[in-house]
C-alpha atoms as a PDB file:
ATOM      1  CA  MET A   1      74.028   5.180 -26.895  1.00  0.00           C
ATOM      2  CA  LYS A   2      72.231   1.983 -26.008  1.00  0.00           C
ATOM      3  CA  VAL A   3      73.052   1.962 -22.395  1.00  0.00           C
ATOM      4  CA  LYS A   4      72.111   5.656 -22.249  1.00  0.00           C
ATOM      5  CA  SER A   5      68.553   4.834 -23.673  1.00  0.00           C
ATOM      6  CA  MET A   6      68.424   1.436 -21.313  1.00  0.00           C
ATOM      7  CA  GLY A   7      69.235   4.222 -18.156  1.00  0.00           C
ATOM      8  CA  TYR A   8      66.498   6.439 -19.339  1.00  0.00           C
ATOM      9  CA  LEU A   9      63.887   3.519 -20.019  1.00  0.00           C
ATOM     10  CA  ILE A  10      64.754   2.019 -16.183  1.00  0.00           C
ATOM     11  CA  GLY A  11      64.420   5.478 -14.839  1.00  0.00           C
ATOM     12  CA  ILE A  12      60.974   5.718 -16.013  1.00  0.00           C
ATOM     13  CA  ILE A  13      60.054   2.346 -14.856  1.00  0.00           C
ATOM     14  CA  VAL A  14      61.114   3.156 -11.687  1.00  0.00           C
ATOM     15  CA  VAL A  15      59.423   6.337 -11.505  1.00  0.00           C
ATOM     16  CA  VAL A  16      56.052   4.660 -12.546  1.00  0.00           C
ATOM     17  CA  LEU A  17      56.668   2.168  -9.814  1.00  0.00           C
ATOM     18  CA  PHE A  18      57.112   4.564  -7.215  1.00  0.00           C
ATOM     19  CA  VAL A  19      53.947   6.267  -8.231  1.00  0.00           C
ATOM     20  CA  PHE A  20      51.810   3.435  -8.244  1.00  0.00           C
ATOM     21  CA  VAL A  21      53.389   1.740  -5.090  1.00  0.00           C
ATOM     22  CA  PHE A  22      53.858   4.605  -2.934  1.00  0.00           C
ATOM     23  CA  LEU A  23      51.501   7.363  -4.199  1.00  0.00           C
ATOM     24  CA  ASN A  24      48.659   4.648  -5.236  1.00  0.00           C
ATOM     25  CA  PRO A  25      46.682   6.840  -7.977  1.00  0.00           C
ATOM     26  CA  ILE A  26      44.156   3.883  -8.564  1.00  0.00           C
ATOM     27  CA  VAL A  27      40.813   4.135  -7.101  1.00  0.00           C
ATOM     28  CA  ILE A  28      37.913   1.931  -6.876  1.00  0.00           C
ATOM     29  CA  VAL A  29      34.767   3.048  -5.958  1.00  0.00           C
ATOM     30  CA  GLN A  30      32.152   0.264  -5.218  1.00  0.00           C
ATOM     31  CA  PRO A  31      28.778   0.022  -6.359  1.00  0.00           C
ATOM     32  CA  GLY A  32      26.064   2.391  -4.849  1.00  0.00           C
ATOM     33  CA  TYR A  33      28.808   4.775  -3.727  1.00  0.00           C
ATOM     34  CA  VAL A  34      30.477   7.866  -5.085  1.00  0.00           C
ATOM     35  CA  GLY A  35      33.862   9.383  -4.676  1.00  0.00           C
ATOM     36  CA  VAL A  36      34.358  13.220  -3.638  1.00  0.00           C
ATOM     37  CA  LYS A  37      37.893  14.432  -4.532  1.00  0.00           C
ATOM     38  CA  VAL A  38      39.712  16.558  -1.807  1.00  0.00           C
ATOM     39  CA  LEU A  39      43.000  18.465  -3.000  1.00  0.00           C
ATOM     40  CA  PHE A  40      44.820  19.973  -0.001  1.00  0.00           C
ATOM     41  CA  GLY A  41      41.321  20.599   2.018  1.00  0.00           C
ATOM     42  CA  ASN A  42      39.607  21.714  -1.144  1.00  0.00           C
ATOM     43  CA  VAL A  43      36.715  19.883  -2.119  1.00  0.00           C
ATOM     44  CA  LYS A  44      36.677  19.589  -6.065  1.00  0.00           C
ATOM     45  CA  GLU A  45      33.337  19.592  -8.141  1.00  0.00           C
ATOM     46  CA  GLY A  46      32.341  16.298  -9.695  1.00  0.00           C
ATOM     47  CA  VAL A  47      32.150  12.798  -8.143  1.00  0.00           C
ATOM     48  CA  LEU A  48      33.791   9.400  -8.925  1.00  0.00           C
ATOM     49  CA  GLN A  49      30.897   7.019  -9.939  1.00  0.00           C
ATOM     50  CA  ASN A  50      31.373   3.468  -9.082  1.00  0.00           C
ATOM     51  CA  GLY A  51      34.103   1.576 -11.183  1.00  0.00           C
ATOM     52  CA  PHE A  52      38.188   1.584 -11.739  1.00  0.00           C
ATOM     53  CA  HIS A  53      39.589   5.055 -11.784  1.00  0.00           C
ATOM     54  CA  ILE A  54      43.137   6.546 -12.274  1.00  0.00           C
ATOM     55  CA  VAL A  55      43.415   9.900 -10.488  1.00  0.00           C
ATOM     56  CA  ASN A  56      45.967  12.278  -9.433  1.00  0.00           C
ATOM     57  CA  PRO A  57      47.742  10.863  -6.456  1.00  0.00           C
ATOM     58  CA  LEU A  58      47.595  13.977  -4.506  1.00  0.00           C
ATOM     59  CA  LEU A  59      43.894  13.588  -4.317  1.00  0.00           C
ATOM     60  CA  ASN A  60      41.973  12.136  -1.401  1.00  0.00           C
ATOM     61  CA  ILE A  61      39.108  10.287  -2.229  1.00  0.00           C
ATOM     62  CA  VAL A  62      36.136  10.425   0.227  1.00  0.00           C
ATOM     63  CA  LYS A  63      33.845   7.686  -0.574  1.00  0.00           C
ATOM     64  CA  MET A  64      29.639   8.179   0.293  1.00  0.00           C
ATOM     65  CA  ASP A  65      27.191   5.785   0.363  1.00  0.00           C
ATOM     66  CA  ALA A  66      24.294   6.865  -2.371  1.00  0.00           C
ATOM     67  CA  ARG A  67      22.127   3.749  -2.020  1.00  0.00           C
ATOM     68  CA  LEU A  68      18.463   3.925  -0.488  1.00  0.00           C
ATOM     69  CA  GLN A  69      18.878   4.096   3.223  1.00  0.00           C
ATOM     70  CA  SER A  70      16.509   3.612   5.913  1.00  0.00           C
ATOM     71  CA  TYR A  71      16.208   5.608   9.210  1.00  0.00           C
ATOM     72  CA  THR A  72      13.875   4.217  12.106  1.00  0.00           C
ATOM     73  CA  MET A  73      12.748   5.995  15.140  1.00  0.00           C
ATOM     74  CA  SER A  74      11.007   3.788  17.314  1.00  0.00           C
ATOM     75  CA  VAL A  75       9.931   2.972  21.093  1.00  0.00           C
ATOM     76  CA  SER A  76      11.844  -0.381  20.641  1.00  0.00           C
ATOM     77  CA  THR A  77      15.566  -0.531  21.519  1.00  0.00           C
ATOM     78  CA  GLN A  78      15.817  -3.443  19.252  1.00  0.00           C
ATOM     79  CA  GLU A  79      14.728  -1.456  15.895  1.00  0.00           C
ATOM     80  CA  GLY A  80      15.687   2.354  16.192  1.00  0.00           C
ATOM     81  CA  GLU A  81      18.697   3.706  15.078  1.00  0.00           C
ATOM     82  CA  ARG A  82      19.219   5.072  18.873  1.00  0.00           C
ATOM     83  CA  THR A  83      19.005   3.206  22.216  1.00  0.00           C
ATOM     84  CA  GLY A  84      15.781   3.724  24.213  1.00  0.00           C
ATOM     85  CA  ASP A  85      12.586   5.109  23.186  1.00  0.00           C
ATOM     86  CA  ASP A  86      13.061   6.990  20.009  1.00  0.00           C
ATOM     87  CA  ALA A  87       9.586   7.381  19.003  1.00  0.00           C
ATOM     88  CA  ILE A  88       8.372  10.607  18.247  1.00  0.00           C
ATOM     89  CA  ASP A  89       5.936  12.813  20.383  1.00  0.00           C
ATOM     90  CA  ALA A  90       3.633  15.048  18.565  1.00  0.00           C
ATOM     91  CA  LEU A  91       0.487  17.248  19.271  1.00  0.00           C
ATOM     92  CA  THR A  92      -2.880  16.635  17.446  1.00  0.00           C
ATOM     93  CA  SER A  93      -5.081  19.443  16.375  1.00  0.00           C
ATOM     94  CA  GLU A  94      -7.139  18.861  19.442  1.00  0.00           C
ATOM     95  CA  GLY A  95      -4.121  19.122  21.755  1.00  0.00           C
ATOM     96  CA  LEU A  96      -3.748  15.391  22.084  1.00  0.00           C
ATOM     97  CA  MET A  97       0.052  13.864  22.627  1.00  0.00           C
ATOM     98  CA  VAL A  98       0.508  10.753  20.218  1.00  0.00           C
ATOM     99  CA  LYS A  99       3.521   8.742  20.026  1.00  0.00           C
ATOM    100  CA  LEU A 100       4.516   8.058  16.356  1.00  0.00           C
ATOM    101  CA  ASP A 101       6.723   4.910  15.414  1.00  0.00           C
ATOM    102  CA  LEU A 102       8.147   5.111  11.652  1.00  0.00           C
ATOM    103  CA  THR A 103      10.773   4.537   9.294  1.00  0.00           C
ATOM    104  CA  ALA A 104      11.692   7.039   6.548  1.00  0.00           C
ATOM    105  CA  TRP A 105      13.556   6.027   3.378  1.00  0.00           C
ATOM    106  CA  TYR A 106      16.010   8.282   1.850  1.00  0.00           C
ATOM    107  CA  ARG A 107      19.382   8.525  -0.077  1.00  0.00           C
ATOM    108  CA  LEU A 108      22.151  10.929  -1.136  1.00  0.00           C
ATOM    109  CA  ILE A 109      21.831  12.678  -3.988  1.00  0.00           C
ATOM    110  CA  PRO A 110      25.222  11.405  -6.012  1.00  0.00           C
ATOM    111  CA  GLU A 111      25.820  14.950  -7.842  1.00  0.00           C
ATOM    112  CA  ASP A 112      25.390  16.788  -4.563  1.00  0.00           C
ATOM    113  CA  ALA A 113      28.045  14.800  -2.552  1.00  0.00           C
ATOM    114  CA  PRO A 114      30.797  17.497  -2.553  1.00  0.00           C
ATOM    115  CA  SER A 115      28.354  19.827  -1.519  1.00  0.00           C
ATOM    116  CA  VAL A 116      27.230  17.709   1.330  1.00  0.00           C
ATOM    117  CA  TYR A 117      30.597  16.774   2.420  1.00  0.00           C
ATOM    118  CA  ARG A 118      31.639  20.439   2.435  1.00  0.00           C
ATOM    119  CA  SER A 119      28.736  22.168   4.014  1.00  0.00           C
ATOM    120  CA  ILE A 120      27.676  19.289   6.533  1.00  0.00           C
ATOM    121  CA  GLY A 121      30.084  16.511   6.391  1.00  0.00           C
ATOM    122  CA  LEU A 122      29.758  13.015   6.686  1.00  0.00           C
ATOM    123  CA  ASP A 123      27.289  13.019   9.600  1.00  0.00           C
ATOM    124  CA  TYR A 124      24.503  14.367   7.527  1.00  0.00           C
ATOM    125  CA  ILE A 125      22.452  11.746   8.776  1.00  0.00           C
ATOM    126  CA  SER A 126      22.266  12.997  12.495  1.00  0.00           C
ATOM    127  CA  LYS A 127      22.703  16.522  11.524  1.00  0.00           C
ATOM    128  CA  VAL A 128      20.189  17.061   8.386  1.00  0.00           C
ATOM    129  CA  VAL A 129      18.148  13.569   7.781  1.00  0.00           C
ATOM    130  CA  ARG A 130      16.845  13.167  11.853  1.00  0.00           C
ATOM    131  CA  PRO A 131      16.022  16.817  12.670  1.00  0.00           C
ATOM    132  CA  LEU A 132      14.361  17.223   9.049  1.00  0.00           C
ATOM    133  CA  LEU A 133      11.908  14.101   9.707  1.00  0.00           C
ATOM    134  CA  ARG A 134      11.123  14.975  13.313  1.00  0.00           C
ATOM    135  CA  THR A 135      10.201  18.598  12.350  1.00  0.00           C
ATOM    136  CA  SER A 136       8.017  17.460   9.244  1.00  0.00           C
ATOM    137  CA  ILE A 137       5.968  15.067  11.085  1.00  0.00           C
ATOM    138  CA  ARG A 138       5.181  17.618  14.354  1.00  0.00           C
ATOM    139  CA  ASP A 139       4.504  20.416  11.763  1.00  0.00           C
ATOM    140  CA  ILE A 140       2.093  17.963   9.930  1.00  0.00           C
ATOM    141  CA  ALA A 141       0.429  16.296  12.932  1.00  0.00           C
ATOM    142  CA  VAL A 142      -0.682  19.480  14.430  1.00  0.00           C
ATOM    143  CA  ARG A 143      -2.956  19.524  11.230  1.00  0.00           C
ATOM    144  CA  TYR A 144      -4.950  16.136  11.922  1.00  0.00           C
ATOM    145  CA  THR A 145      -6.970  14.722  14.573  1.00  0.00           C
ATOM    146  CA  ALA A 146      -5.668  11.674  16.862  1.00  0.00           C
ATOM    147  CA  GLU A 147      -8.545   9.638  15.031  1.00  0.00           C
ATOM    148  CA  ASP A 148      -7.231  10.824  11.444  1.00  0.00           C
ATOM    149  CA  ILE A 149      -3.783   9.790  12.470  1.00  0.00           C
ATOM    150  CA  TYR A 150      -4.988   6.403  13.947  1.00  0.00           C
ATOM    151  CA  SER A 151      -7.568   5.383  11.415  1.00  0.00           C
ATOM    152  CA  SER A 152      -9.278   7.149   8.667  1.00  0.00           C
ATOM    153  CA  LYS A 153      -6.394   9.623   7.036  1.00  0.00           C
ATOM    154  CA  ARG A 154      -3.263   7.437   8.076  1.00  0.00           C
ATOM    155  CA  ASN A 155      -2.198   7.394   4.573  1.00  0.00           C
ATOM    156  CA  GLU A 156      -2.930  11.279   3.872  1.00  0.00           C
ATOM    157  CA  PHE A 157      -1.037  11.918   6.964  1.00  0.00           C
ATOM    158  CA  THR A 158       2.051  10.162   5.734  1.00  0.00           C
ATOM    159  CA  ASP A 159       1.834  11.783   2.263  1.00  0.00           C
ATOM    160  CA  SER A 160       1.567  15.192   3.766  1.00  0.00           C
ATOM    161  CA  ILE A 161       4.781  14.412   6.114  1.00  0.00           C
ATOM    162  CA  ILE A 162       6.668  13.281   2.945  1.00  0.00           C
ATOM    163  CA  THR A 163       5.546  16.452   0.660  1.00  0.00           C
ATOM    164  CA  HIS A 164       6.817  18.646   3.734  1.00  0.00           C
ATOM    165  CA  ALA A 165       9.844  16.794   4.303  1.00  0.00           C
ATOM    166  CA  ILE A 166      11.052  17.204   0.597  1.00  0.00           C
ATOM    167  CA  ILE A 167      10.475  20.914   0.578  1.00  0.00           C
ATOM    168  CA  LEU A 168      12.446  21.062   4.031  1.00  0.00           C
ATOM    169  CA  ALA A 169      15.241  18.791   2.242  1.00  0.00           C
ATOM    170  CA  LYS A 170      15.475  20.998  -0.701  1.00  0.00           C
ATOM    171  CA  GLY A 171      19.224  22.268  -1.311  1.00  0.00           C
ATOM    172  CA  LYS A 172      20.539  19.673   1.366  1.00  0.00           C
ATOM    173  CA  GLY A 173      21.415  17.068  -1.073  1.00  0.00           C
ATOM    174  CA  ILE A 174      19.094  14.474   0.632  1.00  0.00           C
ATOM    175  CA  GLU A 175      16.440  12.924  -1.491  1.00  0.00           C
ATOM    176  CA  ILE A 176      13.160  11.695   0.881  1.00  0.00           C
ATOM    177  CA  ASP A 177      11.628   8.863  -0.856  1.00  0.00           C
ATOM    178  CA  ARG A 178       9.043   7.466   1.703  1.00  0.00           C
ATOM    179  CA  ILE A 179       7.811   7.718   5.262  1.00  0.00           C
ATOM    180  CA  LEU A 180       6.427   4.200   6.547  1.00  0.00           C
ATOM    181  CA  LEU A 181       4.157   4.928   9.641  1.00  0.00           C
ATOM    182  CA  ARG A 182       4.603   1.704  11.564  1.00  0.00           C
ATOM    183  CA  ASN A 183       2.590   2.488  15.014  1.00  0.00           C
ATOM    184  CA  VAL A 184       0.525   5.444  16.494  1.00  0.00           C
ATOM    185  CA  LYS A 185       0.468   5.233  20.259  1.00  0.00           C
ATOM    186  CA  LEU A 186      -2.480   7.125  22.064  1.00  0.00           C
ATOM    187  CA  PRO A 187      -3.854   7.481  25.477  1.00  0.00           C
ATOM    188  CA  LYS A 188      -5.543   4.346  26.226  1.00  0.00           C
ATOM    189  CA  GLU A 189      -9.013   6.022  26.648  1.00  0.00           C
ATOM    190  CA  ILE A 190      -8.455   7.604  23.567  1.00  0.00           C
ATOM    191  CA  GLU A 191      -7.526   4.500  21.845  1.00  0.00           C
ATOM    192  CA  ASN A 192     -10.697   2.492  23.059  1.00  0.00           C
ATOM    193  CA  ALA A 193     -12.849   5.247  22.011  1.00  0.00           C
ATOM    194  CA  ILE A 194     -11.827   5.428  18.700  1.00  0.00           C
ATOM    195  CA  ASN A 195     -11.772   1.659  18.511  1.00  0.00           C
ATOM    196  CA  ALA A 196     -15.546   1.784  19.778  1.00  0.00           C
ATOM    197  CA  LYS A 197     -16.458   4.549  17.049  1.00  0.00           C
ATOM    198  CA  ILE A 198     -14.776   2.526  14.318  1.00  0.00           C
ATOM    199  CA  SER A 199     -16.716  -0.440  15.474  1.00  0.00           C
ATOM    200  CA  ALA A 200     -19.952   1.316  15.844  1.00  0.00           C
ATOM    201  CA  ASP A 201     -19.322   2.786  12.010  1.00  0.00           C
ATOM    202  CA  GLN A 202     -18.602  -1.055  10.918  1.00  0.00           C
ATOM    203  CA  GLU A 203     -21.904  -2.192  12.079  1.00  0.00           C
ATOM    204  CA  ALA A 204     -23.822   0.639  10.908  1.00  0.00           C
ATOM    205  CA  GLN A 205     -22.733   0.018   7.827  1.00  0.00           C
ATOM    206  CA  LYS A 206     -23.555  -3.676   8.030  1.00  0.00           C
ATOM    207  CA  MET A 207     -27.037  -2.848   8.918  1.00  0.00           C
ATOM    208  CA  GLU A 208     -27.178  -0.372   5.727  1.00  0.00           C
ATOM    209  CA  PHE A 209     -26.151  -3.405   3.740  1.00  0.00           C
ATOM    210  CA  VAL A 210     -28.758  -5.694   5.083  1.00  0.00           C
ATOM    211  CA  LEU A 211     -31.559  -2.980   4.815  1.00  0.00           C
ATOM    212  CA  ALA A 212     -30.738  -2.547   1.225  1.00  0.00           C
ATOM    213  CA  LYS A 213     -30.363  -6.125   0.475  1.00  0.00           C
ATOM    214  CA  GLU A 214     -33.900  -6.565   2.039  1.00  0.00           C
ATOM    215  CA  GLU A 215     -35.572  -3.666   0.147  1.00  0.00           C
ATOM    216  CA  LYS A 216     -34.195  -5.477  -2.960  1.00  0.00           C
ATOM    217  CA  GLU A 217     -35.814  -8.539  -1.761  1.00  0.00           C
ATOM    218  CA  LYS A 218     -38.988  -6.893  -1.032  1.00  0.00           C
ATOM    219  CA  GLU A 219     -39.085  -5.498  -4.886  1.00  0.00           C
ATOM    220  CA  ARG A 220     -38.424  -8.963  -6.066  1.00  0.00           C
ATOM    221  CA  LYS A 221     -41.333 -10.421  -4.376  1.00  0.00           C
ATOM    222  CA  ILE A 222     -43.529  -7.189  -5.521  1.00  0.00           C
ATOM    223  CA  ILE A 223     -42.263  -7.991  -9.132  1.00  0.00           C
ATOM    224  CA  GLU A 224     -43.172 -11.629  -8.584  1.00  0.00           C
ATOM    225  CA  ALA A 225     -46.480 -11.273  -7.045  1.00  0.00           C
ATOM    226  CA  GLU A 226     -47.325  -8.690  -9.631  1.00  0.00           C
ATOM    227  CA  GLY A 227     -46.252 -11.295 -12.476  1.00  0.00           C
ATOM    228  CA  ILE A 228     -48.636 -14.016 -10.986  1.00  0.00           C
ATOM    229  CA  GLN A 229     -51.513 -11.684 -10.697  1.00  0.00           C
ATOM    230  CA  GLN A 230     -51.275 -10.722 -14.293  1.00  0.00           C
ATOM    231  CA  ALA A 231     -50.617 -14.611 -15.207  1.00  0.00           C
ATOM    232  CA  ASN A 232     -53.794 -15.597 -13.302  1.00  0.00           C
ATOM    233  CA  LYS A 233     -56.062 -12.902 -15.022  1.00  0.00           C
ATOM    234  CA  ILE A 234     -54.778 -14.250 -18.391  1.00  0.00           C
ATOM    235  CA  ILE A 235     -55.601 -17.712 -17.392  1.00  0.00           C
ATOM    236  CA  SER A 236     -58.989 -16.891 -15.801  1.00  0.00           C
ATOM    237  CA  LYS A 237     -60.184 -15.376 -19.332  1.00  0.00           C
ATOM    238  CA  SER A 238     -59.184 -18.463 -21.056  1.00  0.00           C
ATOM    239  CA  LEU A 239     -61.181 -20.803 -18.730  1.00  0.00           C
ATOM    240  CA  THR A 240     -64.477 -21.240 -20.904  1.00  0.00           C
ATOM    241  CA  SER A 241     -67.073 -23.870 -20.076  1.00  0.00           C
ATOM    242  CA  SER A 242     -66.134 -25.312 -23.314  1.00  0.00           C
ATOM    243  CA  TYR A 243     -62.485 -25.614 -22.383  1.00  0.00           C
ATOM    244  CA  LEU A 244     -63.313 -27.080 -19.274  1.00  0.00           C
ATOM    245  CA  THR A 245     -65.304 -29.782 -20.629  1.00  0.00           C
ATOM    246  CA  TRP A 246     -62.521 -30.445 -23.316  1.00  0.00           C
ATOM    247  CA  TYR A 247     -59.949 -30.635 -20.348  1.00  0.00           C
ATOM    248  CA  ARG A 248     -61.921 -33.107 -18.122  1.00  0.00           C
ATOM    249  CA  ILE A 249     -62.403 -35.372 -21.233  1.00  0.00           C
ATOM    250  CA  GLU A 250     -58.884 -35.625 -21.611  1.00  0.00           C
ATOM    251  CA  MET A 251     -58.178 -36.195 -18.124  1.00  0.00           C
ATOM    252  CA  LEU A 252     -60.759 -39.030 -18.097  1.00  0.00           C
ATOM    253  CA  LYS A 253     -58.677 -40.496 -20.899  1.00  0.00           C
ATOM    254  CA  SER A 254     -55.631 -40.334 -19.530  1.00  0.00           C
ATOM    255  CA  LEU A 255     -57.095 -42.318 -16.382  1.00  0.00           C
ATOM    256  CA  VAL A 256     -58.772 -45.070 -18.859  1.00  0.00           C
ATOM    257  CA  ASN A 257     -54.934 -45.441 -20.710  1.00  0.00           C
ATOM    258  CA  SER A 258     -53.621 -45.784 -16.985  1.00  0.00           C
ATOM    259  CA  PRO A 259     -51.523 -48.839 -16.287  1.00  0.00           C
ATOM    260  CA  ASN A 260     -53.264 -49.508 -13.124  1.00  0.00           C
ATOM    261  CA  ASN A 261     -56.016 -52.102 -12.974  1.00  0.00           C
ATOM    262  CA  THR A 262     -59.057 -50.176 -12.611  1.00  0.00           C
ATOM    263  CA  ILE A 263     -62.702 -49.526 -14.396  1.00  0.00           C
ATOM    264  CA  ILE A 264     -63.733 -46.546 -14.897  1.00  0.00           C
ATOM    265  CA  VAL A 265     -67.707 -45.672 -15.225  1.00  0.00           C
ATOM    266  CA  ILE A 266     -68.155 -42.229 -17.109  1.00  0.00           C
ATOM    267  CA  PRO A 267     -71.736 -40.931 -16.630  1.00  0.00           C
ATOM    268  CA  GLU A 268     -73.635 -39.212 -19.339  1.00  0.00           C
ATOM    269  CA  ASN A 269     -73.428 -36.084 -17.750  1.00  0.00           C
ATOM    270  CA  LEU A 270     -70.053 -34.793 -17.798  1.00  0.00           C
ATOM    271  CA  LYS A 271     -70.660 -32.669 -15.131  1.00  0.00           C
ATOM    272  CA  SER A 272     -71.173 -35.614 -12.592  1.00  0.00           C
ATOM    273  CA  LEU A 273     -67.921 -37.172 -11.114  1.00  0.00           C
ATOM    274  CA  PRO A 274     -66.773 -40.722 -12.987  1.00  0.00           C
ATOM    275  CA  MET A 275     -66.838 -43.902 -10.685  1.00  0.00           C
ATOM    276  CA  ILE A 276     -63.414 -45.226 -10.444  1.00  0.00           C
ATOM    277  CA  MET A 277     -63.477 -48.948  -9.068  1.00  0.00           C
ATOM    278  CA  PRO A 278     -60.544 -51.505  -8.725  1.00  0.00           C
ATOM    279  CA  ASN A 279     -60.434 -54.358 -11.040  1.00  0.00           C
ATOM    280  CA  LYS A 280     -60.001 -57.278  -8.812  1.00  0.00           C
END
């Protein structure tokens, strides 16, 4: 009986070892990834989050990156996702062709990974992300002038692209996080004209500031002059003959008490000037 039980135990151990060694039911999903479960060609609902999992050995686990990613379309071959000039040519509202160099931040929505894998596949970047971005940029650029995109409404322009891209991405399993407009290339003559206009606007604003400052200084001087005028009126009213006589006596007393060796001859008539002689 013991031999038979030992045989069962050995058999169980052999089966377990066979399952773990040859069928490998252990799956480890790395941080930032999700695992899509595929059984005999059928994509199962739900995903495996990052971590350690023991699954049906017959399942094929497809790991998909759900981290924040970037996609760059640039004129520089060293920066874009594709070789050569990959910047976007777009028409503005006045019919000018501009070249836009940008980067988009996006991510795969984890819970939508099975649907993306089933209907789009792993190459969802070239099938969804890139066309979606190019369409959104061109649809929005035609609503703005070249000057708006180049300078005055640059942030509004990128915000509009994000809003439009989010609408287009709805139901595709992709989340657009942000659009970074890195560079706007205009025809040289248009760029020069816009820069000249910006410079003129800055000079006009500077002149307005100077004029406002001068106007404030003018107001200050007027108030100061009015104050002096009022003070003079008050002083003139207080300058009576008695006050002036008293004030003259006080000044003469200060001369008498002066440390200088001088002789002061004070006339009886205080209206006359005193004589000041050095004491040799």
